[in-house]
Amino acid sequence: MTPAEQMLVASLDLNAKAARAERLDGAVAVPVAAARELAYLLESCGRATAQVGVIHGTQNPALVEHAHDIARTYLGEQPR
């Protein structure tokens, strides 16, 4: 399986689990290793943004913007 296929399969699986959880109990079980990788992505994007000061100054602003969306979703909207 190519890296692109892996990402797309994982995306489909997580979306299906999220949809099922919304209908049932609102919780999705995610393996610890996946949670750690997600945390690493958020940390890396956060550090890159801190270095340059703004998301759009990073090397991959689209990825960083998505990481920021994940962080906001996880934390809830926080006043600045």
PDB file of N, CA and C in Angstrom:
ATOM      1  N   MET A   1       0.854  -1.177   0.000  1.00  0.00           N
ATOM      2  CA  MET A   1       0.000   0.000   0.000  1.00  0.00           C
ATOM      3  C   MET A   1       0.901   1.241   0.000  1.00  0.00           C
ATOM      4  N   THR A   2       0.593   2.196  -0.847  1.00  0.00           N
ATOM      5  CA  THR A   2       1.383   3.423  -0.913  1.00  0.00           C
ATOM      6  C   THR A   2       1.068   4.317   0.287  1.00  0.00           C
ATOM      7  N   PRO A   3       1.941   5.290   0.590  1.00  0.00           N
ATOM      8  CA  PRO A   3       1.637   6.222   1.674  1.00  0.00           C
ATOM      9  C   PRO A   3       0.303   6.947   1.462  1.00  0.00           C
ATOM     10  N   ALA A   4       0.008   7.333   0.227  1.00  0.00           N
ATOM     11  CA  ALA A   4      -1.254   8.018  -0.050  1.00  0.00           C
ATOM     12  C   ALA A   4      -2.433   7.107   0.260  1.00  0.00           C
ATOM     13  N   GLU A   5      -2.327   5.842  -0.139  1.00  0.00           N
ATOM     14  CA  GLU A   5      -3.401   4.890   0.143  1.00  0.00           C
ATOM     15  C   GLU A   5      -3.573   4.690   1.649  1.00  0.00           C
ATOM     16  N   GLN A   6      -2.461   4.600   2.374  1.00  0.00           N
ATOM     17  CA  GLN A   6      -2.543   4.449   3.829  1.00  0.00           C
ATOM     18  C   GLN A   6      -3.285   5.618   4.466  1.00  0.00           C
ATOM     19  N   MET A   7      -2.932   6.823   4.047  1.00  0.00           N
ATOM     20  CA  MET A   7      -3.578   8.006   4.620  1.00  0.00           C
ATOM     21  C   MET A   7      -5.060   8.048   4.283  1.00  0.00           C
ATOM     22  N   LEU A   8      -5.408   7.706   3.048  1.00  0.00           N
ATOM     23  CA  LEU A   8      -6.805   7.729   2.650  1.00  0.00           C
ATOM     24  C   LEU A   8      -7.616   6.645   3.357  1.00  0.00           C
ATOM     25  N   VAL A   9      -7.041   5.459   3.510  1.00  0.00           N
ATOM     26  CA  VAL A   9      -7.729   4.382   4.230  1.00  0.00           C
ATOM     27  C   VAL A   9      -7.928   4.772   5.690  1.00  0.00           C
ATOM     28  N   ALA A  10      -6.885   5.324   6.318  1.00  0.00           N
ATOM     29  CA  ALA A  10      -6.999   5.754   7.712  1.00  0.00           C
ATOM     30  C   ALA A  10      -8.052   6.844   7.853  1.00  0.00           C
ATOM     31  N   SER A  11      -8.088   7.763   6.903  1.00  0.00           N
ATOM     32  CA  SER A  11      -9.084   8.833   6.932  1.00  0.00           C
ATOM     33  C   SER A  11     -10.495   8.272   6.848  1.00  0.00           C
ATOM     34  N   LEU A  12     -10.711   7.352   5.931  1.00  0.00           N
ATOM     35  CA  LEU A  12     -12.032   6.729   5.802  1.00  0.00           C
ATOM     36  C   LEU A  12     -12.429   6.012   7.079  1.00  0.00           C
ATOM     37  N   ASP A  13     -11.482   5.285   7.666  1.00  0.00           N
ATOM     38  CA  ASP A  13     -11.759   4.543   8.896  1.00  0.00           C
ATOM     39  C   ASP A  13     -12.111   5.488  10.040  1.00  0.00           C
ATOM     40  N   LEU A  14     -11.310   6.547  10.212  1.00  0.00           N
ATOM     41  CA  LEU A  14     -11.582   7.500  11.299  1.00  0.00           C
ATOM     42  C   LEU A  14     -12.907   8.230  11.087  1.00  0.00           C
ATOM     43  N   ASN A  15     -13.192   8.605   9.850  1.00  0.00           N
ATOM     44  CA  ASN A  15     -14.472   9.269   9.570  1.00  0.00           C
ATOM     45  C   ASN A  15     -15.648   8.338   9.849  1.00  0.00           C
ATOM     46  N   ALA A  16     -15.521   7.064   9.490  1.00  0.00           N
ATOM     47  CA  ALA A  16     -16.586   6.099   9.771  1.00  0.00           C
ATOM     48  C   ALA A  16     -16.768   5.921  11.269  1.00  0.00           C
ATOM     49  N   LYS A  17     -15.650   5.828  12.010  1.00  0.00           N
ATOM     50  CA  LYS A  17     -15.729   5.695  13.471  1.00  0.00           C
ATOM     51  C   LYS A  17     -16.364   6.940  14.094  1.00  0.00           C
ATOM     52  N   ALA A  18     -16.009   8.116  13.598  1.00  0.00           N
ATOM     53  CA  ALA A  18     -16.574   9.362  14.130  1.00  0.00           C
ATOM     54  C   ALA A  18     -18.078   9.426  13.854  1.00  0.00           C
ATOM     55  N   ALA A  19     -18.485   9.051  12.664  1.00  0.00           N
ATOM     56  CA  ALA A  19     -19.913   9.069  12.328  1.00  0.00           C
ATOM     57  C   ALA A  19     -20.680   8.095  13.217  1.00  0.00           C
ATOM     58  N   ARG A  20     -20.120   6.912  13.410  1.00  0.00           N
ATOM     59  CA  ARG A  20     -20.762   5.915  14.270  1.00  0.00           C
ATOM     60  C   ARG A  20     -20.839   6.415  15.709  1.00  0.00           C
ATOM     61  N   ALA A  21     -19.767   7.035  16.192  1.00  0.00           N
ATOM     62  CA  ALA A  21     -19.741   7.549  17.562  1.00  0.00           C
ATOM     63  C   ALA A  21     -20.739   8.678  17.757  1.00  0.00           C
ATOM     64  N   GLU A  22     -20.897   9.523  16.742  1.00  0.00           N
ATOM     65  CA  GLU A  22     -21.891  10.604  16.837  1.00  0.00           C
ATOM     66  C   GLU A  22     -23.293  10.040  17.031  1.00  0.00           C
ATOM     67  N   ARG A  23     -23.567   8.942  16.348  1.00  0.00           N
ATOM     68  CA  ARG A  23     -24.891   8.322  16.471  1.00  0.00           C
ATOM     69  C   ARG A  23     -25.063   7.605  17.807  1.00  0.00           C
ATOM     70  N   LEU A  24     -23.970   7.096  18.371  1.00  0.00           N
ATOM     71  CA  LEU A  24     -24.082   6.263  19.567  1.00  0.00           C
ATOM     72  C   LEU A  24     -23.723   7.003  20.849  1.00  0.00           C
ATOM     73  N   ASP A  25     -22.437   7.201  21.090  1.00  0.00           N
ATOM     74  CA  ASP A  25     -22.041   7.752  22.392  1.00  0.00           C
ATOM     75  C   ASP A  25     -21.076   8.926  22.344  1.00  0.00           C
ATOM     76  N   GLY A  26     -20.648   9.306  21.165  1.00  0.00           N
ATOM     77  CA  GLY A  26     -19.777  10.460  21.055  1.00  0.00           C
ATOM     78  C   GLY A  26     -18.309  10.219  21.339  1.00  0.00           C
ATOM     79  N   ALA A  27     -17.891   8.956  21.522  1.00  0.00           N
ATOM     80  CA  ALA A  27     -16.479   8.662  21.797  1.00  0.00           C
ATOM     81  C   ALA A  27     -15.899   7.798  20.681  1.00  0.00           C
ATOM     82  N   VAL A  28     -14.658   8.088  20.317  1.00  0.00           N
ATOM     83  CA  VAL A  28     -13.953   7.299  19.314  1.00  0.00           C
ATOM     84  C   VAL A  28     -12.678   6.776  19.952  1.00  0.00           C
ATOM     85  N   ALA A  29     -12.486   5.481  19.902  1.00  0.00           N
ATOM     86  CA  ALA A  29     -11.254   4.881  20.416  1.00  0.00           C
ATOM     87  C   ALA A  29     -10.154   5.042  19.368  1.00  0.00           C
ATOM     88  N   VAL A  30      -9.040   5.625  19.779  1.00  0.00           N
ATOM     89  CA  VAL A  30      -7.894   5.815  18.894  1.00  0.00           C
ATOM     90  C   VAL A  30      -6.689   5.165  19.567  1.00  0.00           C
ATOM     91  N   PRO A  31      -5.922   4.373  18.829  1.00  0.00           N
ATOM     92  CA  PRO A  31      -4.741   3.761  19.427  1.00  0.00           C
ATOM     93  C   PRO A  31      -3.789   4.814  20.001  1.00  0.00           C
ATOM     94  N   VAL A  32      -3.121   4.463  21.079  1.00  0.00           N
ATOM     95  CA  VAL A  32      -2.188   5.389  21.734  1.00  0.00           C
ATOM     96  C   VAL A  32      -1.138   5.895  20.747  1.00  0.00           C
ATOM     97  N   ALA A  33      -0.624   5.023  19.915  1.00  0.00           N
ATOM     98  CA  ALA A  33       0.410   5.435  18.951  1.00  0.00           C
ATOM     99  C   ALA A  33      -0.122   6.502  17.995  1.00  0.00           C
ATOM    100  N   ALA A  34      -1.377   6.388  17.586  1.00  0.00           N
ATOM    101  CA  ALA A  34      -1.969   7.404  16.696  1.00  0.00           C
ATOM    102  C   ALA A  34      -2.127   8.728  17.424  1.00  0.00           C
ATOM    103  N   ALA A  35      -2.530   8.681  18.695  1.00  0.00           N
ATOM    104  CA  ALA A  35      -2.662   9.913  19.482  1.00  0.00           C
ATOM    105  C   ALA A  35      -1.296  10.575  19.648  1.00  0.00           C
ATOM    106  N   ARG A  36      -0.258   9.788  19.865  1.00  0.00           N
ATOM    107  CA  ARG A  36       1.094  10.355  19.995  1.00  0.00           C
ATOM    108  C   ARG A  36       1.559  10.997  18.690  1.00  0.00           C
ATOM    109  N   GLU A  37       1.269  10.370  17.551  1.00  0.00           N
ATOM    110  CA  GLU A  37       1.645  10.942  16.257  1.00  0.00           C
ATOM    111  C   GLU A  37       0.898  12.241  15.997  1.00  0.00           C
ATOM    112  N   LEU A  38      -0.374  12.273  16.358  1.00  0.00           N
ATOM    113  CA  LEU A  38      -1.157  13.500  16.211  1.00  0.00           C
ATOM    114  C   LEU A  38      -0.587  14.600  17.106  1.00  0.00           C
ATOM    115  N   ALA A  39      -0.224  14.240  18.345  1.00  0.00           N
ATOM    116  CA  ALA A  39       0.384  15.216  19.256  1.00  0.00           C
ATOM    117  C   ALA A  39       1.704  15.728  18.689  1.00  0.00           C
ATOM    118  N   TYR A  40       2.486  14.853  18.069  1.00  0.00           N
ATOM    119  CA  TYR A  40       3.755  15.267  17.467  1.00  0.00           C
ATOM    120  C   TYR A  40       3.512  16.244  16.314  1.00  0.00           C
ATOM    121  N   LEU A  41       2.506  15.960  15.492  1.00  0.00           N
ATOM    122  CA  LEU A  41       2.155  16.878  14.401  1.00  0.00           C
ATOM    123  C   LEU A  41       1.791  18.251  14.952  1.00  0.00           C
ATOM    124  N   LEU A  42       0.945  18.273  15.996  1.00  0.00           N
ATOM    125  CA  LEU A  42       0.542  19.552  16.595  1.00  0.00           C
ATOM    126  C   LEU A  42       1.743  20.283  17.188  1.00  0.00           C
ATOM    127  N   GLU A  43       2.620  19.547  17.861  1.00  0.00           N
ATOM    128  CA  GLU A  43       3.812  20.175  18.450  1.00  0.00           C
ATOM    129  C   GLU A  43       4.717  20.749  17.368  1.00  0.00           C
ATOM    130  N   SER A  44       4.961  19.974  16.323  1.00  0.00           N
ATOM    131  CA  SER A  44       5.832  20.439  15.236  1.00  0.00           C
ATOM    132  C   SER A  44       5.269  21.686  14.568  1.00  0.00           C
ATOM    133  N   CYS A  45       3.971  21.666  14.286  1.00  0.00           N
ATOM    134  CA  CYS A  45       3.339  22.818  13.650  1.00  0.00           C
ATOM    135  C   CYS A  45       3.316  24.014  14.595  1.00  0.00           C
ATOM    136  N   GLY A  46       3.086  23.767  15.871  1.00  0.00           N
ATOM    137  CA  GLY A  46       3.094  24.850  16.851  1.00  0.00           C
ATOM    138  C   GLY A  46       4.460  25.500  16.973  1.00  0.00           C
ATOM    139  N   ARG A  47       5.504  24.670  17.000  1.00  0.00           N
ATOM    140  CA  ARG A  47       6.869  25.214  17.088  1.00  0.00           C
ATOM    141  C   ARG A  47       7.231  26.004  15.830  1.00  0.00           C
ATOM    142  N   ALA A  48       6.852  25.480  14.663  1.00  0.00           N
ATOM    143  CA  ALA A  48       7.143  26.184  13.408  1.00  0.00           C
ATOM    144  C   ALA A  48       6.446  27.542  13.382  1.00  0.00           C
ATOM    145  N   THR A  49       5.203  27.576  13.859  1.00  0.00           N
ATOM    146  CA  THR A  49       4.456  28.832  13.893  1.00  0.00           C
ATOM    147  C   THR A  49       5.070  29.799  14.894  1.00  0.00           C
ATOM    148  N   ALA A  50       5.488  29.284  16.040  1.00  0.00           N
ATOM    149  CA  ALA A  50       6.116  30.139  17.057  1.00  0.00           C
ATOM    150  C   ALA A  50       7.410  30.750  16.534  1.00  0.00           C
ATOM    151  N   GLN A  51       8.167  29.983  15.752  1.00  0.00           N
ATOM    152  CA  GLN A  51       9.437  30.478  15.211  1.00  0.00           C
ATOM    153  C   GLN A  51       9.251  31.667  14.289  1.00  0.00           C
ATOM    154  N   VAL A  52       8.254  31.589  13.409  1.00  0.00           N
ATOM    155  CA  VAL A  52       8.071  32.666  12.428  1.00  0.00           C
ATOM    156  C   VAL A  52       7.012  33.673  12.840  1.00  0.00           C
ATOM    157  N   GLY A  53       6.197  33.308  13.806  1.00  0.00           N
ATOM    158  CA  GLY A  53       5.222  34.254  14.341  1.00  0.00           C
ATOM    159  C   GLY A  53       3.828  34.183  13.751  1.00  0.00           C
ATOM    160  N   VAL A  54       3.690  33.627  12.561  1.00  0.00           N
ATOM    161  CA  VAL A  54       2.374  33.524  11.923  1.00  0.00           C
ATOM    162  C   VAL A  54       2.293  32.222  11.131  1.00  0.00           C
ATOM    163  N   ILE A  55       1.091  31.695  11.020  1.00  0.00           N
ATOM    164  CA  ILE A  55       0.897  30.438  10.291  1.00  0.00           C
ATOM    165  C   ILE A  55       1.358  30.565   8.847  1.00  0.00           C
ATOM    166  N   HIS A  56       1.015  31.679   8.193  1.00  0.00           N
ATOM    167  CA  HIS A  56       1.313  31.808   6.762  1.00  0.00           C
ATOM    168  C   HIS A  56       2.790  32.067   6.474  1.00  0.00           C
ATOM    169  N   GLY A  57       3.601  32.200   7.519  1.00  0.00           N
ATOM    170  CA  GLY A  57       5.035  32.334   7.321  1.00  0.00           C
ATOM    171  C   GLY A  57       5.763  31.008   7.382  1.00  0.00           C
ATOM    172  N   THR A  58       5.045  29.935   7.699  1.00  0.00           N
ATOM    173  CA  THR A  58       5.660  28.612   7.797  1.00  0.00           C
ATOM    174  C   THR A  58       5.878  28.030   6.409  1.00  0.00           C
ATOM    175  N   GLN A  59       6.657  26.949   6.333  1.00  0.00           N
ATOM    176  CA  GLN A  59       6.939  26.324   5.041  1.00  0.00           C
ATOM    177  C   GLN A  59       5.725  25.661   4.421  1.00  0.00           C
ATOM    178  N   ASN A  60       4.796  25.189   5.248  1.00  0.00           N
ATOM    179  CA  ASN A  60       3.599  24.533   4.729  1.00  0.00           C
ATOM    180  C   ASN A  60       2.374  25.073   5.463  1.00  0.00           C
ATOM    181  N   PRO A  61       1.941  26.277   5.110  1.00  0.00           N
ATOM    182  CA  PRO A  61       0.852  26.903   5.846  1.00  0.00           C
ATOM    183  C   PRO A  61      -0.461  26.119   5.817  1.00  0.00           C
ATOM    184  N   ALA A  62      -0.731  25.398   4.752  1.00  0.00           N
ATOM    185  CA  ALA A  62      -1.983  24.630   4.695  1.00  0.00           C
ATOM    186  C   ALA A  62      -1.982  23.540   5.762  1.00  0.00           C
ATOM    187  N   LEU A  63      -0.875  22.833   5.905  1.00  0.00           N
ATOM    188  CA  LEU A  63      -0.761  21.793   6.926  1.00  0.00           C
ATOM    189  C   LEU A  63      -0.871  22.400   8.320  1.00  0.00           C
ATOM    190  N   VAL A  64      -0.195  23.515   8.537  1.00  0.00           N
ATOM    191  CA  VAL A  64      -0.220  24.167   9.841  1.00  0.00           C
ATOM    192  C   VAL A  64      -1.622  24.682  10.154  1.00  0.00           C
ATOM    193  N   GLU A  65      -2.303  25.189   9.160  1.00  0.00           N
ATOM    194  CA  GLU A  65      -3.683  25.652   9.361  1.00  0.00           C
ATOM    195  C   GLU A  65      -4.576  24.490   9.780  1.00  0.00           C
ATOM    196  N   HIS A  66      -4.390  23.330   9.163  1.00  0.00           N
ATOM    197  CA  HIS A  66      -5.165  22.149   9.550  1.00  0.00           C
ATOM    198  C   HIS A  66      -4.818  21.714  10.976  1.00  0.00           C
ATOM    199  N   ALA A  67      -3.545  21.769  11.327  1.00  0.00           N
ATOM    200  CA  ALA A  67      -3.144  21.426  12.693  1.00  0.00           C
ATOM    201  C   ALA A  67      -3.791  22.391  13.682  1.00  0.00           C
ATOM    202  N   HIS A  68      -3.851  23.659  13.310  1.00  0.00           N
ATOM    203  CA  HIS A  68      -4.504  24.653  14.171  1.00  0.00           C
ATOM    204  C   HIS A  68      -5.995  24.347  14.309  1.00  0.00           C
ATOM    205  N   ASP A  69      -6.629  23.929  13.219  1.00  0.00           N
ATOM    206  CA  ASP A  69      -8.044  23.533  13.278  1.00  0.00           C
ATOM    207  C   ASP A  69      -8.234  22.354  14.234  1.00  0.00           C
ATOM    208  N   ILE A  70      -7.327  21.378  14.168  1.00  0.00           N
ATOM    209  CA  ILE A  70      -7.398  20.230  15.078  1.00  0.00           C
ATOM    210  C   ILE A  70      -7.254  20.696  16.514  1.00  0.00           C
ATOM    211  N   ALA A  71      -6.292  21.571  16.775  1.00  0.00           N
ATOM    212  CA  ALA A  71      -6.071  22.072  18.133  1.00  0.00           C
ATOM    213  C   ALA A  71      -7.291  22.819  18.645  1.00  0.00           C
ATOM    214  N   ARG A  72      -7.864  23.685  17.809  1.00  0.00           N
ATOM    215  CA  ARG A  72      -9.057  24.434  18.221  1.00  0.00           C
ATOM    216  C   ARG A  72     -10.232  23.510  18.490  1.00  0.00           C
ATOM    217  N   THR A  73     -10.391  22.492  17.651  1.00  0.00           N
ATOM    218  CA  THR A  73     -11.472  21.537  17.848  1.00  0.00           C
ATOM    219  C   THR A  73     -11.276  20.770  19.144  1.00  0.00           C
ATOM    220  N   TYR A  74     -10.044  20.361  19.389  1.00  0.00           N
ATOM    221  CA  TYR A  74      -9.741  19.594  20.603  1.00  0.00           C
ATOM    222  C   TYR A  74      -9.906  20.435  21.857  1.00  0.00           C
ATOM    223  N   LEU A  75      -9.395  21.666  21.833  1.00  0.00           N
ATOM    224  CA  LEU A  75      -9.424  22.530  23.006  1.00  0.00           C
ATOM    225  C   LEU A  75     -10.708  23.324  23.147  1.00  0.00           C
ATOM    226  N   GLY A  76     -11.440  23.462  22.046  1.00  0.00           N
ATOM    227  CA  GLY A  76     -12.567  24.378  22.040  1.00  0.00           C
ATOM    228  C   GLY A  76     -12.050  25.761  21.734  1.00  0.00           C
ATOM    229  N   GLU A  77     -12.892  26.628  21.294  1.00  0.00           N
ATOM    230  CA  GLU A  77     -12.465  27.995  20.987  1.00  0.00           C
ATOM    231  C   GLU A  77     -12.006  28.685  22.257  1.00  0.00           C
ATOM    232  N   GLN A  78     -10.810  29.189  22.231  1.00  0.00           N
ATOM    233  CA  GLN A  78     -10.233  29.889  23.386  1.00  0.00           C
ATOM    234  C   GLN A  78     -10.123  31.371  23.050  1.00  0.00           C
ATOM    235  N   PRO A  79     -10.557  32.239  23.945  1.00  0.00           N
ATOM    236  CA  PRO A  79     -10.383  33.673  23.673  1.00  0.00           C
ATOM    237  C   PRO A  79      -8.897  34.021  23.652  1.00  0.00           C
ATOM    238  N   ARG A  80      -8.535  34.977  22.817  1.00  0.00           N
ATOM    239  CA  ARG A  80      -7.118  35.377  22.718  1.00  0.00           C
ATOM    240  C   ARG A  80      -6.768  36.420  23.729  1.00  0.00           C
TER     241      ARG A  80
END
